[in-house]
Amino acid sequence: MGELAHIQKLGLAAQWHCLIDQPIQSNYAMTTLISASYALQRQKIAVERTLYARSTEESELAARWASAWHKLVQRKLDQDLAARHPAPPAFGGFMIQPPSRVLH
């Protein structure tokens, strides 16, 4: 019993060690990801309502909600990406912007 507790304690210590070594996200980035997760859940519900609607009107309304939630998810993911990678310094030459994180 004591050996199992010791192994579990070592496992927890290793998990904390990994968490401490990772770079800490800002509160803004974490809040953005949480709201993106919430919007993604709402989008899933709207898509389900679209699929199981009893009328065309109900399906169209749910599809509009799904589209709106999808746009919000994309905006939140883009905000998170921007928060993680600061804008490069001004550059007068030709530069290709990295693609945003799009869910498909």
Protein backbone atom coordinates (compact mmCIF):
# COMPACT_ATOMS: atom_id res chain seq x y z
CA MET A 1 0.00 0.00 0.00
CA GLY A 2 2.81 2.40 0.83
CA GLU A 3 4.57 1.59 -2.45
CA LEU A 4 1.41 2.39 -4.47
CA ALA A 5 1.03 5.74 -2.70
CA HIS A 6 4.69 6.50 -3.42
CA ILE A 7 4.25 5.67 -7.12
CA GLN A 8 1.12 7.83 -7.31
CA LYS A 9 2.94 10.68 -5.60
CA LEU A 10 5.80 10.39 -8.11
CA GLY A 11 3.29 10.41 -10.97
CA LEU A 12 1.67 13.59 -9.68
CA ALA A 13 5.05 15.20 -9.20
CA ALA A 14 5.97 14.35 -12.79
CA GLN A 15 2.70 15.82 -14.06
CA TRP A 16 3.27 19.06 -12.12
CA HIS A 17 6.86 19.19 -13.35
CA CYS A 18 5.64 19.00 -16.97
CA LEU A 19 3.08 21.74 -16.33
CA ILE A 20 5.66 24.01 -14.72
CA ASP A 21 8.10 23.57 -17.61
CA GLN A 22 5.51 24.58 -20.23
CA PRO A 23 5.25 28.26 -21.15
CA ILE A 24 2.44 29.94 -19.28
CA GLN A 25 -0.39 31.30 -21.40
CA SER A 26 -1.75 34.72 -20.67
CA ASN A 27 -5.16 35.01 -19.06
CA TYR A 28 -6.43 36.63 -22.26
CA ALA A 29 -5.39 33.66 -24.39
CA MET A 30 -6.91 31.19 -21.94
CA THR A 31 -10.17 33.17 -21.76
CA THR A 32 -10.26 33.29 -25.55
CA LEU A 33 -9.87 29.52 -25.81
CA ILE A 34 -12.57 28.95 -23.19
CA SER A 35 -15.01 31.18 -25.07
CA ALA A 36 -14.05 29.45 -28.35
CA SER A 37 -14.80 26.10 -26.71
CA TYR A 38 -18.19 27.38 -25.54
CA ALA A 39 -18.98 28.73 -29.02
CA LEU A 40 -17.97 25.39 -30.55
CA GLN A 41 -20.37 23.55 -28.21
CA ARG A 42 -23.17 25.95 -29.16
CA GLN A 43 -22.36 25.46 -32.85
CA LYS A 44 -22.64 21.68 -32.38
CA ILE A 45 -26.06 22.10 -30.79
CA ALA A 46 -27.20 24.38 -33.62
CA VAL A 47 -26.03 21.85 -36.22
CA GLU A 48 -27.93 19.10 -34.41
CA ARG A 49 -31.04 21.29 -34.39
CA THR A 50 -30.58 21.85 -38.11
CA LEU A 51 -30.39 18.12 -38.75
CA TYR A 52 -33.37 17.19 -36.61
CA ALA A 53 -35.64 20.16 -37.39
CA ARG A 54 -39.31 19.36 -38.03
CA SER A 55 -39.85 22.13 -40.55
CA THR A 56 -37.92 23.99 -43.22
CA GLU A 57 -38.20 27.26 -41.29
CA GLU A 58 -36.86 25.69 -38.12
CA SER A 59 -33.98 24.15 -40.10
CA GLU A 60 -33.12 27.49 -41.75
CA LEU A 61 -33.15 29.31 -38.43
CA ALA A 62 -30.90 26.68 -36.81
CA ALA A 63 -28.57 26.81 -39.84
CA ARG A 64 -28.22 30.59 -39.43
CA TRP A 65 -27.38 30.09 -35.75
CA ALA A 66 -24.84 27.40 -36.65
CA SER A 67 -23.23 29.78 -39.15
CA ALA A 68 -23.09 32.59 -36.59
CA TRP A 69 -21.51 30.32 -33.97
CA HIS A 70 -19.02 29.07 -36.58
CA LYS A 71 -17.95 32.65 -37.33
CA LEU A 72 -17.51 33.32 -33.61
CA VAL A 73 -15.38 30.18 -33.17
CA GLN A 74 -13.16 31.27 -36.06
CA ARG A 75 -12.82 34.80 -34.68
CA LYS A 76 -11.87 33.49 -31.23
CA LEU A 77 -9.30 31.09 -32.70
CA ASP A 78 -7.82 33.93 -34.77
CA GLN A 79 -7.68 36.13 -31.65
CA ASP A 80 -5.89 33.35 -29.77
CA LEU A 81 -3.42 32.90 -32.62
CA ALA A 82 -2.76 36.65 -32.70
CA ALA A 83 -2.22 36.72 -28.93
CA ARG A 84 0.30 33.88 -29.12
CA HIS A 85 2.25 35.29 -32.06
CA PRO A 86 2.85 39.03 -31.88
CA ALA A 87 2.84 40.94 -35.15
CA PRO A 88 6.21 41.02 -36.90
CA PRO A 89 8.00 44.37 -37.10
CA ALA A 90 7.18 46.62 -40.05
CA PHE A 91 8.60 45.26 -43.28
CA GLY A 92 8.52 47.05 -46.61
CA GLY A 93 8.89 43.93 -48.77
CA PHE A 94 6.51 41.22 -49.88
CA MET A 95 5.20 39.06 -47.06
CA ILE A 96 2.70 36.19 -47.00
CA GLN A 97 0.48 36.09 -43.91
CA PRO A 98 0.18 32.69 -42.22
CA PRO A 99 -3.26 31.07 -42.66
CA SER A 100 -5.73 31.31 -39.78
CA ARG A 101 -6.80 28.18 -37.92
CA VAL A 102 -9.90 27.13 -39.84
CA LEU A 103 -12.04 24.21 -38.74
CA HIS A 104 -13.50 22.14 -41.55
